[in-house]
Amino acid sequence: MATSLTIPSSLEPRMAEARARLDAWTREMIQWHFSPETGAPFWLDYAAKLGWDPRKEIHNYEDLDKLGFFQDEWLRGGPVERWIPRGLAGKPIYVFETGGSTGVPKSRISSEDFRVDYEHFSETLPNEGFPKGSDWIHVGPSGPRRLRLAVEHLAQHRGGTCFSVDLDPRWVIKLIKRGAMAEVEAYKRHVIDQALTIMKAHDSVQCMFTTPKLLEALCERINLRKAGIKGIFCGGTEMTPQWVRFAHEELLEGVAFAPTYGNTLMGLAVSRPVKAEDGWAIVYYPPSPRAMVEVVNPQKPTEVVGYGETGRVRLTTLTREFFVPRFLERDEAERDVPYEKYPWDGVRNVRPFQKLEKSVVEGVY
C-alpha cells in the first residue's frame, strides 16, 4: 500500500466528534424505528421476538451488534408495506429493486432518501467539472432501480435536466449465463447508440453518470471532451486500480472523474482524490451518520479488521425511512484510515467478495 496508514494526531478530535455524532444519531434512529408510533411493522415485530427493548439497550453504534445481522432474504417478496415506518404515514412511497438480478427481486421502500443522499453527494462535486445549470445524461441501469431517479434529482438539484437510456441488467445477465456474448455486445452497442443519439441532439449535456464498462464502450466511439462532457460520475466494483489508471490515462483526457461506491440500501460513498502516487487506489468514505461501511473478519463479522487488512464489507444504514443493521455485502476491501474531509474509516479497492459459496455474475455493465 503506497500511503501511510498512520492517523495524524490532529485528526483525532474530529474523529471523536464524528463518533459522538454517529452514536447520537444511532440512538435517535433506534427510538424512531422501535417506537410503536413511528416504527415499521417489520422492526416492531422483530423487537417483540427479542425479549428486550432496543430503545433501552442500544446506547451507541457498537451496540447495534446486539440486533444480529440483517438478512437480504428479508427483502424478497411482500408485503412491502411492512417496511414503511408509521412515522411516514401518508407520504408517497417508492419501491426500488436492489440486486435481485435472478429470482424474486429484493425491494426497499423510499420516500425522500434518494433525494437527500444525492443532494449530499452534490456537495462533493467540483463546479468546474460538473457545472451548475448544465444538463446530465444517465447511461446505466434503469427500470425499477433507484439510480435513474436519483441521478435525475441530482441534475435537477444542480439546476439542470437529465436524459436517460434504457438498460435492463437482468437481460444482460441472462445472456451472459447462456454464453451469448455476441448478443451481450449487441445490447451494449444498443445502449451506447441511445446515449450518442441523445448527446448529439442536446449539446447542453455536460455531465454524465455511467459505469466502467459502458464508459469504455462510449470512449471507443467518441472523445468525451470534444463531445462536450466535462464531468463523469461513475460507479461499480469494476473500478480496480488498473482500470482507474487506464481511465485517467486513456479515457478521460481532462474530464473530471468522480468515482463512487454505493447501492440502493446505503446511498453513496465518495472517494478521496485518486492519485498515481497512491497506486491509483480508490478509497471510499460512507455518508456518516446516515450509513456506515466497515471491513470485517469474514469468519467473525462482528470484528472489524485492522487498518490495511482485507475483509468483507459490512453495511449499516440509519435513516428514518430505512434501517439496515449489520448487512454483509457481496464485496471485500481493505480498511483504510480516516481522511481530513471524512474523519471516519474508509474502504480501499472494493471488489467482489472472493469467498462467496455461490457464484455471482459480476460486471454486467
Protein backbone atom coordinates (compact mmCIF):
# COMPACT_ATOMS: atom_id res chain seq x y z
CA MET A 1 0.00 0.00 0.00
CA ALA A 2 1.51 3.26 -1.13
CA THR A 3 0.15 5.61 1.53
CA SER A 4 0.86 5.64 5.25
CA LEU A 5 -1.79 4.15 7.49
CA THR A 6 -0.87 6.43 10.35
CA ILE A 7 -3.68 8.63 11.62
CA PRO A 8 -2.47 12.22 12.22
CA SER A 9 -2.96 13.25 15.84
CA SER A 10 -4.55 16.48 14.57
CA LEU A 11 -7.41 14.41 13.18
CA GLU A 12 -8.27 12.65 16.43
CA PRO A 13 -10.55 15.39 17.86
CA ARG A 14 -12.59 15.41 14.65
CA MET A 15 -12.77 11.61 14.69
CA ALA A 16 -14.11 11.76 18.24
CA GLU A 17 -16.70 14.35 17.20
CA ALA A 18 -17.79 12.19 14.26
CA ARG A 19 -18.13 9.13 16.50
CA ALA A 20 -20.17 11.09 19.05
CA ARG A 21 -22.44 12.31 16.26
CA LEU A 22 -22.82 8.72 14.98
CA ASP A 23 -23.68 7.44 18.46
CA ALA A 24 -26.27 10.18 18.98
CA TRP A 25 -27.80 9.53 15.55
CA THR A 26 -27.91 5.80 16.29
CA ARG A 27 -29.88 6.43 19.50
CA GLU A 28 -32.28 8.71 17.63
CA MET A 29 -32.84 6.16 14.86
CA ILE A 30 -33.38 3.31 17.34
CA GLN A 31 -36.02 5.36 19.13
CA TRP A 32 -37.69 6.05 15.78
CA HIS A 33 -37.65 2.52 14.36
CA PHE A 34 -38.64 0.70 17.57
CA SER A 35 -41.34 3.08 18.84
CA PRO A 36 -44.91 1.92 18.14
CA GLU A 37 -45.82 5.41 16.96
CA THR A 38 -43.10 5.70 14.28
CA GLY A 39 -41.58 2.26 13.63
CA ALA A 40 -42.20 -0.06 10.69
CA PRO A 41 -44.22 -3.26 11.30
CA PHE A 42 -41.17 -5.40 10.47
CA TRP A 43 -38.99 -3.87 13.19
CA LEU A 44 -41.78 -3.73 15.76
CA ASP A 45 -42.38 -7.46 15.19
CA TYR A 46 -38.64 -8.10 15.32
CA ALA A 47 -38.36 -6.32 18.68
CA ALA A 48 -41.29 -8.28 20.10
CA LYS A 49 -39.38 -11.51 19.44
CA LEU A 50 -36.13 -10.26 21.01
CA GLY A 51 -37.32 -10.34 24.58
CA TRP A 52 -35.69 -6.96 25.26
CA ASP A 53 -36.31 -3.37 24.22
CA PRO A 54 -33.71 -1.95 21.80
CA ARG A 55 -34.68 1.58 22.93
CA LYS A 56 -33.36 0.75 26.41
CA GLU A 57 -30.41 -1.48 25.49
CA ILE A 58 -28.82 0.22 22.49
CA HIS A 59 -26.88 3.31 23.57
CA ASN A 60 -24.31 3.70 20.78
CA TYR A 61 -23.31 2.49 17.33
CA GLU A 62 -21.38 -0.52 18.63
CA ASP A 63 -24.48 -1.74 20.46
CA LEU A 64 -26.17 -2.43 17.11
CA ASP A 65 -24.30 -5.76 17.19
CA LYS A 66 -26.94 -6.90 19.71
CA LEU A 67 -29.55 -6.97 16.94
CA GLY A 68 -27.69 -9.54 14.87
CA PHE A 69 -27.15 -9.41 11.11
CA PHE A 70 -29.62 -8.13 8.55
CA GLN A 71 -30.54 -10.86 6.04
CA ASP A 72 -31.04 -9.85 2.43
CA GLU A 73 -33.70 -12.56 2.02
CA TRP A 74 -35.94 -10.44 4.25
CA LEU A 75 -36.22 -8.01 1.34
CA ARG A 76 -37.63 -10.58 -1.10
CA GLY A 77 -41.39 -10.74 -1.51
CA GLY A 78 -44.17 -8.94 0.29
CA PRO A 79 -45.97 -7.31 1.76
CA VAL A 80 -43.62 -4.41 1.11
CA GLU A 81 -45.76 -2.27 3.45
CA ARG A 82 -44.14 -3.99 6.42
CA TRP A 83 -41.08 -1.81 5.80
CA ILE A 84 -42.93 1.52 5.85
CA PRO A 85 -42.40 3.34 9.17
CA ARG A 86 -45.63 4.53 10.74
CA GLY A 87 -43.95 7.90 11.09
CA LEU A 88 -44.08 8.21 7.28
CA ALA A 89 -47.84 7.56 7.07
CA GLY A 90 -49.40 9.49 4.20
CA LYS A 91 -46.14 10.18 2.38
CA PRO A 92 -45.70 8.96 -1.22
CA ILE A 93 -43.66 5.76 -1.21
CA TYR A 94 -41.38 4.43 -3.96
CA VAL A 95 -40.31 0.80 -4.28
CA PHE A 96 -36.82 0.22 -5.65
CA GLU A 97 -35.11 -3.04 -6.52
CA THR A 98 -31.69 -3.80 -5.11
CA GLY A 99 -29.75 -6.72 -6.50
CA GLY A 100 -32.32 -9.31 -7.40
CA SER A 101 -30.76 -10.00 -10.79
CA THR A 102 -32.17 -13.52 -10.52
CA GLY A 103 -35.23 -14.85 -8.73
CA VAL A 104 -37.57 -12.67 -6.69
CA PRO A 105 -36.17 -9.12 -6.61
CA LYS A 106 -35.13 -7.60 -3.30
CA SER A 107 -37.10 -4.43 -2.69
CA ARG A 108 -36.68 -1.40 -0.46
CA ILE A 109 -39.11 1.39 0.18
CA SER A 110 -38.17 5.05 -0.08
CA SER A 111 -39.75 8.44 0.13
CA GLU A 112 -37.03 11.10 0.25
CA ASP A 113 -33.78 9.20 0.92
CA PHE A 114 -32.69 9.08 -2.71
CA ARG A 115 -33.05 12.85 -2.92
CA VAL A 116 -31.26 13.51 0.38
CA ASP A 117 -28.42 11.11 -0.49
CA TYR A 118 -27.76 12.74 -3.83
CA GLU A 119 -28.05 16.28 -2.51
CA HIS A 120 -25.30 15.42 -0.03
CA PHE A 121 -23.30 13.89 -2.86
CA SER A 122 -23.79 17.06 -4.91
CA GLU A 123 -21.86 19.00 -2.28
CA THR A 124 -18.78 16.90 -3.04
CA LEU A 125 -18.75 17.63 -6.79
CA PRO A 126 -16.42 20.36 -8.11
CA ASN A 127 -18.36 23.01 -10.02
CA GLU A 128 -15.66 23.32 -12.69
CA GLY A 129 -16.10 19.67 -13.65
CA PHE A 130 -19.83 19.48 -13.01
CA PRO A 131 -21.10 22.96 -13.90
CA LYS A 132 -24.26 24.15 -12.16
CA GLY A 133 -27.09 24.51 -14.65
CA SER A 134 -25.71 22.01 -17.14
CA ASP A 135 -27.72 19.02 -18.31
CA TRP A 136 -26.88 15.40 -17.49
CA ILE A 137 -27.20 12.01 -19.15
CA HIS A 138 -27.67 8.78 -17.21
CA VAL A 139 -26.13 5.81 -19.05
CA GLY A 140 -26.70 2.89 -16.70
CA PRO A 141 -29.28 0.57 -15.19
CA SER A 142 -32.82 1.88 -15.42
CA GLY A 143 -36.27 0.44 -14.75
CA PRO A 144 -37.06 -0.30 -11.08
CA ARG A 145 -33.65 0.78 -9.78
CA ARG A 146 -33.38 3.99 -7.82
CA LEU A 147 -30.28 5.11 -9.71
CA ARG A 148 -32.16 6.66 -12.60
CA LEU A 149 -34.43 8.80 -10.37
CA ALA A 150 -31.50 9.67 -8.11
CA VAL A 151 -29.28 10.93 -10.94
CA GLU A 152 -32.24 12.81 -12.36
CA HIS A 153 -32.73 14.52 -9.00
CA LEU A 154 -29.00 15.27 -8.80
CA ALA A 155 -29.24 17.07 -12.15
CA GLN A 156 -32.32 18.99 -11.06
CA HIS A 157 -30.74 19.90 -7.71
CA ARG A 158 -27.79 21.36 -9.60
CA GLY A 159 -30.05 23.36 -11.88
CA GLY A 160 -30.19 21.12 -14.95
CA THR A 161 -32.24 18.36 -16.51
CA CYS A 162 -31.37 14.71 -17.06
CA PHE A 163 -31.69 12.45 -20.08
CA SER A 164 -31.68 8.68 -19.65
CA VAL A 165 -31.27 5.49 -21.67
CA ASP A 166 -32.97 2.11 -21.27
CA LEU A 167 -30.79 -0.62 -19.79
CA ASP A 168 -32.11 -3.90 -18.34
CA PRO A 169 -29.33 -5.69 -16.40
CA ARG A 170 -31.50 -8.77 -15.89
CA TRP A 171 -31.50 -9.36 -19.64
CA VAL A 172 -27.72 -8.94 -19.82
CA ILE A 173 -27.26 -11.49 -17.02
CA LYS A 174 -29.42 -14.00 -18.88
CA LEU A 175 -27.31 -13.52 -21.99
CA ILE A 176 -24.06 -13.98 -20.06
CA LYS A 177 -25.31 -17.13 -18.32
CA ARG A 178 -26.12 -18.79 -21.62
CA GLY A 179 -22.85 -17.69 -23.16
CA ALA A 180 -24.43 -15.40 -25.73
CA MET A 181 -21.56 -12.93 -25.71
CA ALA A 182 -22.28 -11.70 -29.24
CA GLU A 183 -25.74 -10.69 -28.05
CA VAL A 184 -24.21 -9.02 -24.98
CA GLU A 185 -22.04 -6.92 -27.28
CA ALA A 186 -25.03 -6.12 -29.48
CA TYR A 187 -27.03 -5.00 -26.46
CA LYS A 188 -24.12 -2.86 -25.27
CA ARG A 189 -23.98 -1.21 -28.69
CA HIS A 190 -27.71 -0.60 -28.44
CA VAL A 191 -27.25 1.21 -25.11
CA ILE A 192 -24.33 3.28 -26.41
CA ASP A 193 -26.28 4.15 -29.57
CA GLN A 194 -29.06 5.54 -27.38
CA ALA A 195 -26.57 7.65 -25.43
CA LEU A 196 -24.85 9.00 -28.54
CA THR A 197 -28.17 9.93 -30.11
CA ILE A 198 -29.10 11.99 -27.05
CA MET A 199 -25.69 13.63 -26.79
CA LYS A 200 -25.69 14.65 -30.45
CA ALA A 201 -29.19 16.08 -30.19
CA HIS A 202 -28.59 18.01 -26.94
CA ASP A 203 -25.29 19.88 -26.74
CA SER A 204 -26.33 21.16 -23.30
CA VAL A 205 -25.34 17.78 -21.83
CA GLN A 206 -22.05 18.32 -19.98
CA CYS A 207 -22.26 15.78 -17.14
CA MET A 208 -22.76 12.04 -17.14
CA PHE A 209 -23.37 9.08 -14.89
CA THR A 210 -22.17 5.78 -16.28
CA THR A 211 -20.43 2.53 -15.33
CA PRO A 212 -16.85 1.45 -16.11
CA LYS A 213 -17.69 -0.93 -18.96
CA LEU A 214 -20.11 1.49 -20.56
CA LEU A 215 -17.60 4.31 -20.22
CA GLU A 216 -15.05 2.23 -22.11
CA ALA A 217 -17.58 1.38 -24.82
CA LEU A 218 -18.57 5.04 -25.15
CA CYS A 219 -14.95 6.15 -25.46
CA GLU A 220 -14.43 3.69 -28.31
CA ARG A 221 -16.95 5.74 -30.26
CA ILE A 222 -16.32 9.36 -29.23
CA ASN A 223 -13.88 11.70 -27.49
CA LEU A 224 -15.77 12.76 -24.36
CA ARG A 225 -14.17 16.18 -24.02
CA LYS A 226 -14.77 17.02 -27.68
CA ALA A 227 -18.36 15.85 -27.23
CA GLY A 228 -18.79 18.50 -24.52
CA ILE A 229 -18.61 16.27 -21.44
CA LYS A 230 -16.87 17.97 -18.53
CA GLY A 231 -17.58 15.56 -15.67
CA ILE A 232 -18.17 11.82 -15.26
CA PHE A 233 -19.80 10.33 -12.14
CA CYS A 234 -19.01 6.63 -12.21
CA GLY A 235 -19.94 3.66 -10.04
CA GLY A 236 -19.27 -0.05 -9.88
CA THR A 237 -16.93 -2.67 -8.42
CA GLU A 238 -15.21 -2.94 -11.81
CA MET A 239 -13.11 0.06 -10.79
CA THR A 240 -9.81 -1.61 -9.92
CA PRO A 241 -6.61 0.45 -9.60
CA GLN A 242 -5.57 -0.86 -13.02
CA TRP A 243 -8.83 0.29 -14.56
CA VAL A 244 -8.67 3.69 -12.85
CA ARG A 245 -5.17 4.26 -14.21
CA PHE A 246 -6.36 3.25 -17.68
CA ALA A 247 -9.34 5.60 -17.39
CA HIS A 248 -7.19 8.56 -16.35
CA GLU A 249 -4.51 7.94 -18.98
CA GLU A 250 -6.64 6.78 -21.91
CA LEU A 251 -10.31 7.74 -21.49
CA LEU A 252 -10.81 10.93 -19.52
CA GLU A 253 -8.44 13.47 -21.15
CA GLY A 254 -9.14 16.36 -18.81
CA VAL A 255 -12.68 15.29 -17.93
CA ALA A 256 -13.43 15.43 -14.17
CA PHE A 257 -13.93 11.99 -12.62
CA ALA A 258 -15.99 11.21 -9.51
CA PRO A 259 -15.84 7.50 -8.62
CA THR A 260 -18.40 6.27 -6.08
CA TYR A 261 -19.33 3.10 -4.25
CA GLY A 262 -22.97 2.68 -3.39
CA ASN A 263 -26.21 0.83 -3.69
CA THR A 264 -29.92 1.17 -3.10
CA LEU A 265 -29.56 0.39 0.61
CA MET A 266 -26.80 2.82 1.59
CA GLY A 267 -26.70 5.76 -0.76
CA LEU A 268 -23.25 6.85 -1.91
CA ALA A 269 -19.75 6.53 -0.51
CA VAL A 270 -17.45 9.10 -2.13
CA SER A 271 -13.73 8.80 -2.77
CA ARG A 272 -10.82 10.92 -1.70
CA PRO A 273 -8.70 12.22 -4.61
CA VAL A 274 -7.27 9.38 -6.70
CA LYS A 275 -3.52 9.79 -7.22
CA ALA A 276 -0.83 7.97 -9.17
CA GLU A 277 1.49 8.08 -6.12
CA ASP A 278 -1.14 6.11 -4.19
CA GLY A 279 -1.10 3.35 -6.80
CA TRP A 280 -4.36 4.63 -8.33
CA ALA A 281 -6.24 3.14 -5.38
CA ILE A 282 -9.79 4.28 -4.69
CA VAL A 283 -10.66 4.83 -1.03
CA TYR A 284 -14.34 5.37 -0.35
CA TYR A 285 -15.90 7.07 2.68
CA PRO A 286 -19.53 6.40 3.62
CA PRO A 287 -22.08 9.18 4.27
CA SER A 288 -21.83 9.07 8.08
CA PRO A 289 -24.02 9.08 10.13
CA ARG A 290 -26.72 8.07 7.62
CA ALA A 291 -24.75 5.00 6.59
CA MET A 292 -21.50 3.29 7.55
CA VAL A 293 -19.36 0.74 5.75
CA GLU A 294 -16.75 -1.25 7.63
CA VAL A 295 -14.33 -4.05 6.81
CA VAL A 296 -14.88 -7.10 8.99
CA ASN A 297 -13.43 -10.54 9.54
CA PRO A 298 -15.41 -12.89 7.24
CA GLN A 299 -15.26 -15.66 9.86
CA LYS A 300 -16.27 -13.34 12.71
CA PRO A 301 -18.19 -10.46 11.13
CA THR A 302 -18.75 -8.63 14.42
CA GLU A 303 -14.99 -7.98 14.40
CA VAL A 304 -13.57 -5.06 12.39
CA VAL A 305 -10.16 -5.87 10.87
CA GLY A 306 -7.04 -3.76 11.42
CA TYR A 307 -6.01 -0.89 9.16
CA GLY A 308 -4.58 -2.19 5.89
CA GLU A 309 -6.12 -5.63 6.38
CA THR A 310 -8.55 -7.29 3.97
CA GLY A 311 -12.06 -8.35 4.93
CA ARG A 312 -15.68 -8.36 3.92
CA VAL A 313 -17.62 -5.12 3.60
CA ARG A 314 -20.35 -4.67 6.22
CA LEU A 315 -23.06 -2.04 5.76
CA THR A 316 -25.25 -0.29 8.30
CA THR A 317 -27.96 2.12 7.09
CA LEU A 318 -29.51 4.56 9.55
CA THR A 319 -32.22 6.79 8.10
CA ARG A 320 -35.79 7.39 9.19
CA GLU A 321 -37.02 5.66 6.06
CA PHE A 322 -34.88 2.56 6.26
CA PHE A 323 -32.92 0.74 8.94
CA VAL A 324 -30.38 -1.92 7.90
CA PRO A 325 -28.11 -3.05 10.76
CA ARG A 326 -25.01 -5.09 10.01
CA PHE A 327 -25.61 -6.24 6.45
CA LEU A 328 -22.78 -8.28 4.89
CA GLU A 329 -22.21 -7.08 1.35
CA ARG A 330 -21.04 -9.18 -1.61
CA ASP A 331 -17.82 -7.17 -1.61
CA GLU A 332 -14.41 -7.20 0.03
CA ALA A 333 -11.89 -4.40 0.57
CA GLU A 334 -9.06 -3.15 2.77
CA ARG A 335 -9.79 -0.99 5.80
CA ASP A 336 -8.28 2.47 5.38
CA VAL A 337 -7.65 5.36 7.75
CA PRO A 338 -9.88 8.41 8.27
CA TYR A 339 -9.33 11.38 6.00
CA GLU A 340 -9.33 15.11 6.68
CA LYS A 341 -12.63 15.65 4.89
CA TYR A 342 -14.16 12.43 6.20
CA PRO A 343 -12.88 11.71 9.74
CA TRP A 344 -14.02 8.09 9.88
CA ASP A 345 -12.81 4.81 8.36
CA GLY A 346 -12.68 4.28 4.61
CA VAL A 347 -12.70 1.18 2.41
CA ARG A 348 -9.98 0.71 -0.20
CA ASN A 349 -10.22 -1.04 -3.57
CA VAL A 350 -13.68 -2.57 -3.22
CA ARG A 351 -14.17 -5.68 -5.35
CA PRO A 352 -16.42 -8.79 -5.39
CA PHE A 353 -16.03 -10.96 -2.28
CA GLN A 354 -13.94 -13.98 -3.26
CA LYS A 355 -15.26 -16.45 -0.69
CA LEU A 356 -18.95 -16.45 -1.56
CA GLU A 357 -20.21 -20.00 -1.81
CA LYS A 358 -22.48 -19.34 -4.78
CA SER A 359 -21.24 -17.83 -7.99
CA VAL A 360 -22.31 -14.29 -8.79
CA VAL A 361 -22.46 -12.75 -12.25
CA GLU A 362 -20.40 -9.56 -11.90
CA GLY A 363 -19.52 -6.72 -14.21
CA VAL A 364 -22.81 -6.74 -16.08
CA TYR A 365 -22.46 -3.12 -17.07
